[in-house]
């Protein structure tokens, strides 16, 4: 999937964008675009999730598009959710729900990233 095919972009604002870029990279997101202002602040970034979907983010700032939002939450469908979960924890996430086989099908678990956003990883694909 290319960025031009993604129709839903989860949007986030981060306090420490550099730390979150390192965490997102460790989990498996890939950079599509990252735009910085003239002093190096990330004002807009677009990163893709393998297999489909993407997130937009930037530094939390007074003139940013996202103000007054709390932590976000996202569910990421993965071919190997245990590997993505383990990578997230290794990169600094806090386990919220251990990886388990779900009653409704699939396997999943959840973490909080270093800024408190909730990320669930699983191989359950709604159909």
N, C-alpha and C. Protein backbone atom coordinates (compact mmCIF):
# COMPACT_ATOMS: atom_id res chain seq x y z
N UNK A 1 0.85 -1.18 0.00
CA UNK A 1 0.00 0.00 0.00
C UNK A 1 0.89 1.24 0.00
N UNK A 2 0.51 2.20 -0.74
CA UNK A 2 1.24 3.47 -0.77
C UNK A 2 0.47 4.52 0.02
N UNK A 3 1.13 5.60 0.35
CA UNK A 3 0.49 6.66 1.12
C UNK A 3 -0.74 7.21 0.39
N UNK A 4 -0.71 7.23 -0.95
CA UNK A 4 -1.84 7.78 -1.69
C UNK A 4 -3.07 6.88 -1.63
N UNK A 5 -2.91 5.62 -1.20
CA UNK A 5 -4.04 4.70 -1.09
C UNK A 5 -4.65 4.68 0.32
N UNK A 6 -3.97 5.25 1.30
CA UNK A 6 -4.47 5.26 2.67
C UNK A 6 -5.59 6.30 2.78
N UNK A 7 -6.72 5.89 3.35
CA UNK A 7 -7.87 6.79 3.49
C UNK A 7 -8.21 7.12 4.93
N UNK A 8 -7.52 6.49 5.88
CA UNK A 8 -7.73 6.81 7.29
C UNK A 8 -6.36 7.03 7.92
N UNK A 9 -6.16 8.21 8.44
CA UNK A 9 -4.89 8.57 9.09
C UNK A 9 -5.19 8.91 10.54
N UNK A 10 -4.71 8.10 11.45
CA UNK A 10 -4.80 8.40 12.87
C UNK A 10 -3.83 9.55 13.13
N UNK A 11 -4.24 10.57 13.88
CA UNK A 11 -3.40 11.76 14.08
C UNK A 11 -3.06 11.95 15.55
N UNK A 12 -1.80 12.27 15.80
CA UNK A 12 -1.29 12.41 17.16
C UNK A 12 -0.38 13.61 17.27
N UNK A 13 -0.27 14.15 18.47
CA UNK A 13 0.72 15.19 18.78
C UNK A 13 1.59 14.65 19.91
N UNK A 14 2.92 14.79 19.75
CA UNK A 14 3.85 14.24 20.72
C UNK A 14 4.65 15.34 21.41
N UNK A 15 4.94 15.15 22.68
CA UNK A 15 5.77 16.08 23.42
C UNK A 15 7.24 15.92 23.02
N UNK A 16 7.70 14.68 22.91
CA UNK A 16 9.09 14.40 22.51
C UNK A 16 9.05 13.63 21.18
N UNK A 17 8.99 14.38 20.08
CA UNK A 17 8.81 13.77 18.76
C UNK A 17 9.99 12.87 18.41
N UNK A 18 11.21 13.28 18.73
CA UNK A 18 12.36 12.44 18.39
C UNK A 18 12.30 11.08 19.08
N UNK A 19 11.93 11.06 20.34
CA UNK A 19 11.79 9.79 21.07
C UNK A 19 10.67 8.96 20.47
N UNK A 20 9.58 9.59 20.09
CA UNK A 20 8.46 8.84 19.51
C UNK A 20 8.79 8.33 18.11
N UNK A 21 9.58 9.08 17.34
CA UNK A 21 10.02 8.58 16.03
C UNK A 21 10.87 7.32 16.21
N UNK A 22 11.74 7.33 17.19
CA UNK A 22 12.55 6.13 17.46
C UNK A 22 11.66 4.96 17.86
N UNK A 23 10.65 5.23 18.70
CA UNK A 23 9.74 4.16 19.14
C UNK A 23 8.91 3.64 17.97
N UNK A 24 8.36 4.54 17.16
CA UNK A 24 7.55 4.13 16.01
C UNK A 24 8.38 3.30 15.03
N UNK A 25 9.62 3.70 14.81
CA UNK A 25 10.52 2.93 13.93
C UNK A 25 10.76 1.54 14.50
N UNK A 26 10.99 1.45 15.80
CA UNK A 26 11.25 0.15 16.43
C UNK A 26 10.05 -0.78 16.32
N UNK A 27 8.85 -0.21 16.38
CA UNK A 27 7.62 -1.01 16.31
C UNK A 27 7.37 -1.50 14.89
N UNK A 28 7.80 -0.74 13.88
CA UNK A 28 7.62 -1.18 12.50
C UNK A 28 7.04 -0.16 11.55
N UNK A 29 6.69 1.03 12.03
CA UNK A 29 6.22 2.08 11.13
C UNK A 29 7.38 2.52 10.22
N UNK A 30 7.04 2.96 9.00
CA UNK A 30 8.06 3.47 8.09
C UNK A 30 7.72 4.92 7.71
N UNK A 31 8.74 5.72 7.60
CA UNK A 31 8.56 7.13 7.26
C UNK A 31 8.12 7.29 5.82
N UNK A 32 7.10 8.08 5.61
CA UNK A 32 6.71 8.50 4.27
C UNK A 32 7.15 9.95 4.06
N UNK A 33 6.90 10.78 5.05
CA UNK A 33 7.30 12.19 4.97
C UNK A 33 7.41 12.76 6.38
N UNK A 34 8.40 13.60 6.58
CA UNK A 34 8.55 14.33 7.85
C UNK A 34 8.97 15.75 7.51
N UNK A 35 8.13 16.71 7.90
CA UNK A 35 8.38 18.11 7.59
C UNK A 35 8.72 18.85 8.88
N UNK A 36 9.82 19.61 8.83
CA UNK A 36 10.25 20.39 10.00
C UNK A 36 10.26 21.86 9.66
N UNK A 37 10.09 22.69 10.70
CA UNK A 37 10.18 24.13 10.47
C UNK A 37 11.66 24.54 10.43
N UNK A 38 11.92 25.84 10.34
CA UNK A 38 13.29 26.31 10.16
C UNK A 38 14.17 26.14 11.40
N UNK A 39 13.59 25.78 12.54
CA UNK A 39 14.41 25.49 13.73
C UNK A 39 14.42 24.00 14.05
N UNK A 40 13.84 23.16 13.16
CA UNK A 40 13.93 21.72 13.31
C UNK A 40 12.78 21.05 14.05
N UNK A 41 11.71 21.79 14.33
CA UNK A 41 10.54 21.20 14.99
C UNK A 41 9.70 20.46 13.96
N UNK A 42 9.31 19.21 14.26
CA UNK A 42 8.46 18.44 13.35
C UNK A 42 7.06 19.06 13.40
N UNK A 43 6.65 19.65 12.27
CA UNK A 43 5.33 20.27 12.20
C UNK A 43 4.30 19.34 11.56
N UNK A 44 4.77 18.37 10.77
CA UNK A 44 3.85 17.42 10.14
C UNK A 44 4.67 16.21 9.66
N UNK A 45 4.20 15.03 10.02
CA UNK A 45 4.85 13.80 9.56
C UNK A 45 3.78 12.80 9.16
N UNK A 46 4.14 11.96 8.21
CA UNK A 46 3.24 10.90 7.72
C UNK A 46 4.05 9.61 7.71
N UNK A 47 3.62 8.65 8.51
CA UNK A 47 4.32 7.37 8.60
C UNK A 47 3.33 6.25 8.32
N UNK A 48 3.79 5.20 7.66
CA UNK A 48 2.94 4.11 7.21
C UNK A 48 3.10 2.86 8.07
N UNK A 49 1.98 2.14 8.23
CA UNK A 49 2.00 0.86 8.91
C UNK A 49 2.05 -0.22 7.84
N UNK A 50 2.95 -1.23 7.96
CA UNK A 50 3.03 -2.27 6.93
C UNK A 50 1.68 -2.98 6.75
N UNK A 51 1.27 -3.15 5.53
CA UNK A 51 0.01 -3.81 5.25
C UNK A 51 -1.17 -2.88 5.16
N UNK A 52 -0.99 -1.60 5.48
CA UNK A 52 -2.08 -0.64 5.31
C UNK A 52 -2.23 0.29 6.50
N UNK A 53 -2.63 1.49 6.20
CA UNK A 53 -2.87 2.48 7.24
C UNK A 53 -1.67 3.37 7.48
N UNK A 54 -1.95 4.44 8.18
CA UNK A 54 -0.88 5.36 8.48
C UNK A 54 -1.25 6.28 9.63
N UNK A 55 -0.25 6.99 10.13
CA UNK A 55 -0.47 7.99 11.16
C UNK A 55 0.15 9.30 10.69
N UNK A 56 -0.47 10.38 11.14
CA UNK A 56 0.10 11.71 10.97
C UNK A 56 0.40 12.22 12.37
N UNK A 57 1.51 12.92 12.51
CA UNK A 57 1.85 13.45 13.82
C UNK A 57 2.76 14.65 13.69
N UNK A 58 2.92 15.33 14.80
CA UNK A 58 3.84 16.45 14.87
C UNK A 58 4.11 16.75 16.33
N UNK A 59 4.93 17.76 16.54
CA UNK A 59 5.24 18.16 17.91
C UNK A 59 4.03 18.85 18.53
N UNK A 60 3.79 18.56 19.79
CA UNK A 60 2.73 19.26 20.52
C UNK A 60 3.20 20.72 20.67
N UNK A 61 2.40 21.66 20.14
CA UNK A 61 2.78 23.06 20.21
C UNK A 61 1.54 23.93 20.21
N UNK A 62 1.68 25.16 20.71
CA UNK A 62 0.52 26.05 20.87
C UNK A 62 -0.19 26.36 19.56
N UNK A 63 0.56 26.42 18.45
CA UNK A 63 -0.08 26.74 17.17
C UNK A 63 -0.34 25.49 16.32
N UNK A 64 -0.22 24.31 16.92
CA UNK A 64 -0.44 23.07 16.20
C UNK A 64 -1.91 22.81 15.92
N UNK A 65 -2.19 21.96 14.94
CA UNK A 65 -3.56 21.63 14.59
C UNK A 65 -4.25 20.82 15.69
N UNK A 66 -3.48 20.00 16.41
CA UNK A 66 -4.05 19.18 17.48
C UNK A 66 -3.73 19.82 18.82
N UNK A 67 -4.73 20.41 19.43
CA UNK A 67 -4.58 20.99 20.76
C UNK A 67 -5.71 20.48 21.63
N UNK A 68 -5.43 20.28 22.88
CA UNK A 68 -6.46 19.86 23.82
C UNK A 68 -6.85 18.40 23.69
N UNK A 69 -6.04 17.64 22.98
CA UNK A 69 -6.34 16.21 22.86
C UNK A 69 -5.59 15.45 23.94
N UNK A 70 -6.13 14.36 24.33
CA UNK A 70 -5.46 13.49 25.30
C UNK A 70 -4.68 12.44 24.56
N UNK A 71 -4.25 11.44 25.29
CA UNK A 71 -3.59 10.32 24.61
C UNK A 71 -4.54 9.68 23.60
N UNK A 72 -3.99 9.08 22.58
CA UNK A 72 -4.79 8.41 21.57
C UNK A 72 -4.75 6.90 21.75
N UNK A 73 -5.50 6.21 20.92
CA UNK A 73 -5.50 4.75 20.94
C UNK A 73 -5.64 4.25 19.52
N UNK A 74 -4.94 3.16 19.21
CA UNK A 74 -5.01 2.58 17.87
C UNK A 74 -4.87 1.07 17.96
N UNK A 75 -5.52 0.38 17.03
CA UNK A 75 -5.37 -1.07 16.91
C UNK A 75 -4.62 -1.34 15.61
N UNK A 76 -3.52 -2.08 15.67
CA UNK A 76 -2.69 -2.37 14.52
C UNK A 76 -2.80 -3.85 14.18
N UNK A 77 -3.32 -4.16 13.01
CA UNK A 77 -3.38 -5.54 12.55
C UNK A 77 -1.99 -5.95 12.07
N UNK A 78 -1.49 -7.07 12.57
CA UNK A 78 -0.13 -7.50 12.30
C UNK A 78 -0.12 -8.96 11.83
N UNK A 79 0.79 -9.28 10.93
CA UNK A 79 1.00 -10.69 10.57
C UNK A 79 1.60 -11.45 11.75
N UNK A 80 2.47 -10.78 12.51
CA UNK A 80 3.11 -11.40 13.67
C UNK A 80 2.95 -10.45 14.87
N UNK A 81 1.78 -10.47 15.52
CA UNK A 81 1.55 -9.50 16.60
C UNK A 81 2.49 -9.67 17.78
N UNK A 82 2.94 -10.89 18.04
CA UNK A 82 3.88 -11.08 19.15
C UNK A 82 5.19 -10.34 18.88
N UNK A 83 5.66 -10.37 17.63
CA UNK A 83 6.91 -9.68 17.30
C UNK A 83 6.74 -8.17 17.43
N UNK A 84 5.63 -7.62 16.95
CA UNK A 84 5.39 -6.18 17.07
C UNK A 84 5.25 -5.78 18.53
N UNK A 85 4.53 -6.57 19.31
CA UNK A 85 4.35 -6.32 20.74
C UNK A 85 5.71 -6.32 21.44
N UNK A 86 6.51 -7.35 21.18
CA UNK A 86 7.84 -7.44 21.81
C UNK A 86 8.73 -6.27 21.41
N UNK A 87 8.67 -5.85 20.15
CA UNK A 87 9.47 -4.69 19.70
C UNK A 87 9.03 -3.43 20.42
N UNK A 88 7.72 -3.26 20.59
CA UNK A 88 7.20 -2.08 21.29
C UNK A 88 7.70 -2.05 22.73
N UNK A 89 7.63 -3.18 23.41
CA UNK A 89 8.08 -3.23 24.81
C UNK A 89 9.58 -3.00 24.90
N UNK A 90 10.33 -3.61 23.99
CA UNK A 90 11.79 -3.43 23.98
C UNK A 90 12.17 -1.97 23.75
N UNK A 91 11.33 -1.25 22.99
CA UNK A 91 11.61 0.17 22.69
C UNK A 91 11.07 1.11 23.76
N UNK A 92 10.51 0.57 24.84
CA UNK A 92 10.13 1.43 25.95
C UNK A 92 8.65 1.47 26.29
N UNK A 93 7.82 0.68 25.63
CA UNK A 93 6.38 0.67 25.94
C UNK A 93 6.13 -0.06 27.26
N UNK A 94 5.00 0.24 27.87
CA UNK A 94 4.56 -0.40 29.11
C UNK A 94 3.40 -1.34 28.79
N UNK A 95 3.52 -2.57 29.23
CA UNK A 95 2.46 -3.56 28.94
C UNK A 95 1.19 -3.19 29.69
N UNK A 96 0.09 -3.13 28.96
CA UNK A 96 -1.22 -2.92 29.55
C UNK A 96 -2.04 -4.21 29.57
N UNK A 97 -1.88 -5.00 28.53
CA UNK A 97 -2.60 -6.28 28.42
C UNK A 97 -1.66 -7.22 27.69
N UNK A 98 -1.25 -8.27 28.36
CA UNK A 98 -0.30 -9.23 27.76
C UNK A 98 -0.90 -9.86 26.51
N UNK A 99 -0.03 -10.36 25.65
CA UNK A 99 -0.48 -11.06 24.45
C UNK A 99 -1.21 -12.34 24.85
N UNK A 100 -2.44 -12.50 24.35
CA UNK A 100 -3.22 -13.71 24.64
C UNK A 100 -4.06 -14.05 23.41
N UNK A 101 -4.48 -15.30 23.33
CA UNK A 101 -5.45 -15.70 22.31
C UNK A 101 -6.81 -15.16 22.77
N UNK A 102 -7.50 -14.47 21.87
CA UNK A 102 -8.76 -13.81 22.22
C UNK A 102 -9.95 -14.76 22.01
N UNK A 103 -10.99 -14.62 22.84
CA UNK A 103 -12.20 -15.43 22.70
C UNK A 103 -12.87 -15.20 21.35
N UNK A 104 -12.77 -14.00 20.81
CA UNK A 104 -13.44 -13.65 19.55
C UNK A 104 -12.59 -13.98 18.33
N UNK A 105 -11.44 -14.54 18.56
CA UNK A 105 -10.55 -14.92 17.46
C UNK A 105 -9.30 -14.08 17.45
N UNK A 106 -8.24 -14.65 16.93
CA UNK A 106 -6.99 -13.93 16.83
C UNK A 106 -6.24 -13.89 18.15
N UNK A 107 -5.15 -13.20 18.11
CA UNK A 107 -4.27 -13.05 19.27
C UNK A 107 -3.92 -11.58 19.39
N UNK A 108 -3.89 -11.06 20.61
CA UNK A 108 -3.61 -9.64 20.76
C UNK A 108 -3.13 -9.26 22.14
N UNK A 109 -2.62 -8.05 22.21
CA UNK A 109 -2.16 -7.46 23.46
C UNK A 109 -2.03 -5.96 23.29
N UNK A 110 -1.83 -5.25 24.39
CA UNK A 110 -1.80 -3.78 24.35
C UNK A 110 -0.67 -3.22 25.19
N UNK A 111 -0.17 -2.06 24.74
CA UNK A 111 0.88 -1.35 25.47
C UNK A 111 0.55 0.14 25.50
N UNK A 112 1.24 0.86 26.38
CA UNK A 112 1.27 2.31 26.35
C UNK A 112 2.63 2.74 25.83
N UNK A 113 2.65 3.65 24.84
CA UNK A 113 3.94 4.15 24.35
C UNK A 113 4.55 5.09 25.39
N UNK A 114 5.76 5.58 25.16
CA UNK A 114 6.40 6.44 26.18
C UNK A 114 5.62 7.72 26.50
N UNK A 115 4.65 8.12 25.65
CA UNK A 115 3.85 9.31 25.95
C UNK A 115 2.45 8.98 26.43
N UNK A 116 2.16 7.70 26.66
CA UNK A 116 0.87 7.32 27.22
C UNK A 116 -0.22 6.98 26.22
N UNK A 117 0.12 6.93 24.94
CA UNK A 117 -0.86 6.50 23.94
C UNK A 117 -1.00 4.99 23.99
N UNK A 118 -2.22 4.51 23.78
CA UNK A 118 -2.54 3.08 23.88
C UNK A 118 -2.46 2.45 22.48
N UNK A 119 -1.66 1.42 22.35
CA UNK A 119 -1.50 0.71 21.07
C UNK A 119 -1.83 -0.75 21.30
N UNK A 120 -2.76 -1.29 20.52
CA UNK A 120 -3.07 -2.72 20.57
C UNK A 120 -2.53 -3.37 19.32
N UNK A 121 -1.92 -4.54 19.48
CA UNK A 121 -1.37 -5.31 18.37
C UNK A 121 -2.12 -6.63 18.32
N UNK A 122 -2.55 -7.02 17.13
CA UNK A 122 -3.26 -8.29 17.02
C UNK A 122 -3.33 -8.78 15.60
N UNK A 123 -3.68 -10.04 15.45
CA UNK A 123 -3.87 -10.57 14.09
C UNK A 123 -5.34 -10.78 13.78
N UNK A 124 -6.24 -10.33 14.67
CA UNK A 124 -7.66 -10.37 14.37
C UNK A 124 -7.97 -9.28 13.35
N UNK A 125 -8.54 -9.66 12.22
CA UNK A 125 -8.92 -8.72 11.17
C UNK A 125 -10.44 -8.71 11.07
N UNK A 126 -11.10 -7.63 11.49
CA UNK A 126 -12.56 -7.58 11.33
C UNK A 126 -12.94 -7.82 9.87
N UNK A 127 -14.01 -8.57 9.67
CA UNK A 127 -14.45 -8.82 8.29
C UNK A 127 -15.94 -8.62 8.14
